[in-house]
Amino acid sequence: MNSMAGLIFVAVGLCFDFLGCLGLVRLPDVYNRLQAATKCVTMGTCSILFGTFLIVGWSAPGIKALLCIVFLLLTAPVAAHAIARGAHRAGVKLWEGSVIDRYAQDQEGEA
């Protein structure tokens, strides 16, 4: 039962990773691509690691998979935010189809 649920989690994770990689190729600017990459890591890779944990159980590889999940959930969003903020401060323009730039509005309010 656990191995079947693990395989389902691995399959769902692979689908998320595939769609995230497709987003990296297809999306127009660095901010949209960064969003796709972050979703890919948090949803896809964590799902694959959780499926691995379900398959191998409470052994050494299973515990390492859980620790990797915790590490990814803590670091991926923070890293994505830091990269996006650095890109914005460096002057990387948004895609012309973008609707609003909240970070620029916040900067204007502080000045």
N, C-alpha and C. Protein backbone atom coordinates (compact mmCIF):
# COMPACT_ATOMS: atom_id res chain seq x y z
N MET A 1 0.82 -1.20 0.00
CA MET A 1 0.00 0.00 0.00
C MET A 1 0.86 1.26 0.00
N ASN A 2 1.89 1.27 0.88
CA ASN A 2 2.76 2.44 0.95
C ASN A 2 3.56 2.63 -0.34
N SER A 3 3.97 1.52 -0.96
CA SER A 3 4.75 1.67 -2.19
C SER A 3 3.88 2.20 -3.33
N MET A 4 2.59 1.84 -3.35
CA MET A 4 1.69 2.37 -4.38
C MET A 4 1.46 3.86 -4.17
N ALA A 5 1.24 4.28 -2.93
CA ALA A 5 1.09 5.70 -2.65
C ALA A 5 2.39 6.44 -2.96
N GLY A 6 3.52 5.84 -2.67
CA GLY A 6 4.81 6.44 -2.98
C GLY A 6 5.00 6.63 -4.47
N LEU A 7 4.61 5.63 -5.25
CA LEU A 7 4.71 5.76 -6.71
C LEU A 7 3.79 6.85 -7.24
N ILE A 8 2.62 7.01 -6.64
CA ILE A 8 1.72 8.09 -7.05
C ILE A 8 2.35 9.45 -6.76
N PHE A 9 2.94 9.60 -5.57
CA PHE A 9 3.61 10.86 -5.24
C PHE A 9 4.78 11.13 -6.18
N VAL A 10 5.54 10.10 -6.53
CA VAL A 10 6.66 10.27 -7.46
C VAL A 10 6.14 10.69 -8.83
N ALA A 11 5.05 10.07 -9.29
CA ALA A 11 4.49 10.43 -10.60
C ALA A 11 3.97 11.87 -10.61
N VAL A 12 3.28 12.27 -9.56
CA VAL A 12 2.79 13.65 -9.47
C VAL A 12 3.97 14.62 -9.44
N GLY A 13 5.01 14.28 -8.69
CA GLY A 13 6.20 15.12 -8.63
C GLY A 13 6.89 15.25 -9.97
N LEU A 14 6.95 14.16 -10.72
CA LEU A 14 7.55 14.22 -12.04
C LEU A 14 6.73 15.11 -12.98
N CYS A 15 5.41 15.06 -12.85
CA CYS A 15 4.56 15.94 -13.67
C CYS A 15 4.81 17.40 -13.32
N PHE A 16 4.90 17.72 -12.03
CA PHE A 16 5.19 19.10 -11.62
C PHE A 16 6.56 19.54 -12.11
N ASP A 17 7.55 18.66 -12.01
CA ASP A 17 8.89 19.01 -12.48
C ASP A 17 8.90 19.23 -13.99
N PHE A 18 8.19 18.40 -14.73
CA PHE A 18 8.12 18.58 -16.18
C PHE A 18 7.46 19.91 -16.54
N LEU A 19 6.35 20.22 -15.88
CA LEU A 19 5.67 21.48 -16.17
C LEU A 19 6.52 22.68 -15.74
N GLY A 20 7.25 22.56 -14.65
CA GLY A 20 8.14 23.63 -14.24
C GLY A 20 9.27 23.85 -15.24
N CYS A 21 9.82 22.78 -15.77
CA CYS A 21 10.86 22.91 -16.79
C CYS A 21 10.29 23.51 -18.07
N LEU A 22 9.09 23.13 -18.41
CA LEU A 22 8.42 23.72 -19.57
C LEU A 22 8.19 25.21 -19.35
N GLY A 23 7.84 25.60 -18.14
CA GLY A 23 7.67 27.01 -17.80
C GLY A 23 8.96 27.79 -17.91
N LEU A 24 10.09 27.16 -17.55
CA LEU A 24 11.38 27.83 -17.68
C LEU A 24 11.70 28.15 -19.13
N VAL A 25 11.25 27.32 -20.04
CA VAL A 25 11.52 27.54 -21.45
C VAL A 25 10.51 28.51 -22.07
N ARG A 26 9.25 28.43 -21.65
CA ARG A 26 8.19 29.16 -22.33
C ARG A 26 7.85 30.54 -21.76
N LEU A 27 8.07 30.77 -20.50
CA LEU A 27 7.64 32.03 -19.90
C LEU A 27 8.53 33.19 -20.32
N PRO A 28 7.99 34.42 -20.34
CA PRO A 28 8.67 35.52 -21.02
C PRO A 28 9.79 36.23 -20.26
N ASP A 29 9.72 36.34 -18.94
CA ASP A 29 10.75 37.13 -18.25
C ASP A 29 11.28 36.38 -17.03
N VAL A 30 12.29 36.98 -16.41
CA VAL A 30 12.97 36.32 -15.30
C VAL A 30 12.04 36.09 -14.11
N TYR A 31 11.11 36.98 -13.89
CA TYR A 31 10.22 36.86 -12.73
C TYR A 31 9.23 35.71 -12.91
N ASN A 32 8.67 35.57 -14.09
CA ASN A 32 7.77 34.45 -14.36
C ASN A 32 8.53 33.13 -14.36
N ARG A 33 9.71 33.12 -14.91
CA ARG A 33 10.51 31.90 -14.91
C ARG A 33 10.92 31.50 -13.50
N LEU A 34 11.21 32.48 -12.69
CA LEU A 34 11.57 32.20 -11.30
C LEU A 34 10.39 31.59 -10.54
N GLN A 35 9.20 32.08 -10.83
CA GLN A 35 8.00 31.51 -10.20
C GLN A 35 7.81 30.06 -10.61
N ALA A 36 8.02 29.77 -11.90
CA ALA A 36 7.88 28.39 -12.38
C ALA A 36 8.93 27.49 -11.74
N ALA A 37 10.15 27.98 -11.62
CA ALA A 37 11.21 27.17 -11.03
C ALA A 37 10.95 26.90 -9.55
N THR A 38 10.43 27.89 -8.84
CA THR A 38 10.16 27.70 -7.42
C THR A 38 9.02 26.71 -7.20
N LYS A 39 7.97 26.81 -8.00
CA LYS A 39 6.87 25.83 -7.90
C LYS A 39 7.37 24.44 -8.24
N CYS A 40 8.25 24.37 -9.22
CA CYS A 40 8.81 23.08 -9.63
C CYS A 40 9.55 22.43 -8.47
N VAL A 41 10.35 23.20 -7.77
CA VAL A 41 11.13 22.64 -6.66
C VAL A 41 10.24 22.29 -5.48
N THR A 42 9.37 23.23 -5.07
CA THR A 42 8.61 22.99 -3.86
C THR A 42 7.56 21.90 -4.06
N MET A 43 6.86 21.92 -5.16
CA MET A 43 5.80 20.92 -5.37
C MET A 43 6.35 19.63 -5.97
N GLY A 44 7.19 19.75 -6.99
CA GLY A 44 7.66 18.57 -7.70
C GLY A 44 8.69 17.77 -6.94
N THR A 45 9.77 18.42 -6.61
CA THR A 45 10.87 17.70 -5.95
C THR A 45 10.49 17.22 -4.56
N CYS A 46 9.74 18.04 -3.82
CA CYS A 46 9.30 17.59 -2.49
C CYS A 46 8.34 16.40 -2.60
N SER A 47 7.51 16.39 -3.64
CA SER A 47 6.62 15.25 -3.83
C SER A 47 7.40 13.98 -4.18
N ILE A 48 8.42 14.12 -5.00
CA ILE A 48 9.25 12.96 -5.33
C ILE A 48 9.96 12.45 -4.08
N LEU A 49 10.48 13.36 -3.27
CA LEU A 49 11.17 12.94 -2.04
C LEU A 49 10.20 12.30 -1.06
N PHE A 50 8.97 12.82 -0.96
CA PHE A 50 8.00 12.22 -0.06
C PHE A 50 7.59 10.83 -0.57
N GLY A 51 7.46 10.68 -1.87
CA GLY A 51 7.18 9.36 -2.43
C GLY A 51 8.30 8.38 -2.14
N THR A 52 9.53 8.87 -2.22
CA THR A 52 10.68 8.03 -1.87
C THR A 52 10.61 7.61 -0.41
N PHE A 53 10.24 8.56 0.46
CA PHE A 53 10.10 8.22 1.88
C PHE A 53 9.02 7.15 2.07
N LEU A 54 7.89 7.28 1.38
CA LEU A 54 6.84 6.28 1.53
C LEU A 54 7.28 4.91 1.05
N ILE A 55 8.11 4.88 0.03
CA ILE A 55 8.55 3.59 -0.52
C ILE A 55 9.58 2.93 0.40
N VAL A 56 10.57 3.69 0.89
CA VAL A 56 11.65 3.08 1.68
C VAL A 56 11.36 3.06 3.17
N GLY A 57 10.43 3.88 3.64
CA GLY A 57 10.05 3.86 5.05
C GLY A 57 11.03 4.61 5.94
N TRP A 58 11.03 4.23 7.22
CA TRP A 58 11.84 4.93 8.23
C TRP A 58 13.27 4.40 8.26
N SER A 59 13.86 4.22 7.12
CA SER A 59 15.27 3.82 7.05
C SER A 59 16.12 5.07 6.86
N ALA A 60 17.42 4.88 6.71
CA ALA A 60 18.31 6.03 6.54
C ALA A 60 17.97 6.85 5.29
N PRO A 61 17.72 6.22 4.13
CA PRO A 61 17.34 7.03 2.97
C PRO A 61 16.00 7.76 3.16
N GLY A 62 15.07 7.16 3.86
CA GLY A 62 13.78 7.80 4.11
C GLY A 62 13.90 9.03 4.99
N ILE A 63 14.72 8.92 6.02
CA ILE A 63 14.93 10.06 6.92
C ILE A 63 15.67 11.17 6.18
N LYS A 64 16.63 10.81 5.33
CA LYS A 64 17.33 11.81 4.53
C LYS A 64 16.38 12.50 3.57
N ALA A 65 15.42 11.76 3.01
CA ALA A 65 14.44 12.37 2.12
C ALA A 65 13.58 13.38 2.87
N LEU A 66 13.16 13.04 4.09
CA LEU A 66 12.38 13.99 4.90
C LEU A 66 13.19 15.24 5.25
N LEU A 67 14.46 15.05 5.59
CA LEU A 67 15.31 16.20 5.89
C LEU A 67 15.50 17.09 4.66
N CYS A 68 15.62 16.48 3.50
CA CYS A 68 15.75 17.26 2.26
C CYS A 68 14.47 18.04 1.98
N ILE A 69 13.31 17.46 2.28
CA ILE A 69 12.04 18.16 2.10
C ILE A 69 12.01 19.40 2.97
N VAL A 70 12.38 19.24 4.24
CA VAL A 70 12.38 20.39 5.16
C VAL A 70 13.35 21.45 4.66
N PHE A 71 14.53 21.05 4.24
CA PHE A 71 15.52 22.00 3.74
C PHE A 71 15.00 22.75 2.52
N LEU A 72 14.40 22.03 1.57
CA LEU A 72 13.87 22.68 0.36
C LEU A 72 12.73 23.63 0.67
N LEU A 73 11.85 23.24 1.58
CA LEU A 73 10.72 24.11 1.93
C LEU A 73 11.18 25.38 2.64
N LEU A 74 12.30 25.31 3.33
CA LEU A 74 12.81 26.49 4.01
C LEU A 74 13.64 27.40 3.10
N THR A 75 14.36 26.82 2.16
CA THR A 75 15.31 27.62 1.39
C THR A 75 14.81 28.05 0.02
N ALA A 76 13.99 27.28 -0.66
CA ALA A 76 13.58 27.62 -2.03
C ALA A 76 12.80 28.94 -2.11
N PRO A 77 11.79 29.17 -1.28
CA PRO A 77 11.08 30.45 -1.38
C PRO A 77 11.96 31.65 -1.02
N VAL A 78 12.83 31.48 -0.04
CA VAL A 78 13.72 32.58 0.36
C VAL A 78 14.70 32.90 -0.76
N ALA A 79 15.26 31.87 -1.38
CA ALA A 79 16.19 32.08 -2.49
C ALA A 79 15.49 32.74 -3.67
N ALA A 80 14.27 32.31 -3.98
CA ALA A 80 13.54 32.91 -5.10
C ALA A 80 13.25 34.38 -4.83
N HIS A 81 12.89 34.70 -3.60
CA HIS A 81 12.63 36.09 -3.26
C HIS A 81 13.90 36.93 -3.39
N ALA A 82 15.02 36.40 -2.91
CA ALA A 82 16.28 37.13 -2.99
C ALA A 82 16.70 37.35 -4.44
N ILE A 83 16.54 36.35 -5.28
CA ILE A 83 16.89 36.49 -6.70
C ILE A 83 15.99 37.51 -7.38
N ALA A 84 14.69 37.44 -7.10
CA ALA A 84 13.75 38.39 -7.72
C ALA A 84 14.03 39.81 -7.26
N ARG A 85 14.32 39.98 -5.99
CA ARG A 85 14.62 41.33 -5.49
C ARG A 85 15.92 41.86 -6.09
N GLY A 86 16.91 41.00 -6.20
CA GLY A 86 18.17 41.41 -6.82
C GLY A 86 18.00 41.76 -8.29
N ALA A 87 17.18 41.00 -9.00
CA ALA A 87 16.92 41.31 -10.41
C ALA A 87 16.20 42.64 -10.54
N HIS A 88 15.24 42.89 -9.66
CA HIS A 88 14.50 44.15 -9.72
C HIS A 88 15.41 45.34 -9.42
N ARG A 89 16.26 45.18 -8.42
CA ARG A 89 17.18 46.27 -8.06
C ARG A 89 18.23 46.48 -9.15
N ALA A 90 18.58 45.44 -9.89
CA ALA A 90 19.55 45.56 -10.97
C ALA A 90 18.93 46.19 -12.22
N GLY A 91 17.62 46.36 -12.21
CA GLY A 91 16.96 47.02 -13.32
C GLY A 91 16.42 46.10 -14.39
N VAL A 92 16.28 44.82 -14.09
CA VAL A 92 15.70 43.90 -15.06
C VAL A 92 14.22 44.25 -15.21
N LYS A 93 13.83 44.54 -16.44
CA LYS A 93 12.46 44.99 -16.71
C LYS A 93 11.48 43.82 -16.69
N LEU A 94 10.25 44.14 -16.30
CA LEU A 94 9.18 43.17 -16.37
C LEU A 94 8.74 42.99 -17.81
N TRP A 95 8.08 41.90 -18.07
CA TRP A 95 7.51 41.64 -19.38
C TRP A 95 6.48 42.72 -19.67
N GLU A 96 6.36 43.15 -20.92
CA GLU A 96 5.43 44.24 -21.25
C GLU A 96 3.97 43.86 -21.00
N GLY A 97 3.67 42.60 -20.89
CA GLY A 97 2.31 42.16 -20.59
C GLY A 97 2.02 42.10 -19.09
N SER A 98 3.01 42.41 -18.25
CA SER A 98 2.79 42.40 -16.81
C SER A 98 1.84 43.52 -16.43
N VAL A 99 0.97 43.26 -15.48
CA VAL A 99 -0.08 44.20 -15.12
C VAL A 99 0.40 45.23 -14.11
N ILE A 100 1.12 44.78 -13.08
CA ILE A 100 1.47 45.70 -11.98
C ILE A 100 2.83 45.31 -11.41
N ASP A 101 3.52 46.31 -10.89
CA ASP A 101 4.81 46.11 -10.25
C ASP A 101 4.71 46.60 -8.81
N ARG A 102 4.33 45.74 -7.92
CA ARG A 102 4.13 46.12 -6.51
C ARG A 102 5.43 46.55 -5.84
N TYR A 103 6.52 45.93 -6.20
CA TYR A 103 7.79 46.29 -5.56
C TYR A 103 8.16 47.73 -5.89
N ALA A 104 7.96 48.15 -7.14
CA ALA A 104 8.26 49.53 -7.53
C ALA A 104 7.32 50.49 -6.80
N GLN A 105 6.06 50.09 -6.62
CA GLN A 105 5.12 50.94 -5.89
C GLN A 105 5.56 51.08 -4.43
N ASP A 106 6.03 50.02 -3.84
CA ASP A 106 6.52 50.09 -2.45
C ASP A 106 7.73 51.00 -2.34
N GLN A 107 8.62 50.95 -3.34
CA GLN A 107 9.81 51.81 -3.33
C GLN A 107 9.43 53.27 -3.46
N GLU A 108 8.40 53.56 -4.28
CA GLU A 108 7.94 54.93 -4.44
C GLU A 108 7.33 55.46 -3.14
N GLY A 109 6.64 54.62 -2.40
CA GLY A 109 6.03 55.03 -1.16
C GLY A 109 7.04 55.37 -0.07
N GLU A 110 8.21 54.72 -0.12
CA GLU A 110 9.25 54.98 0.87
C GLU A 110 9.99 56.27 0.60
N ALA A 111 10.08 56.67 -0.66
CA ALA A 111 10.88 57.85 -1.01
C ALA A 111 10.22 59.15 -0.61
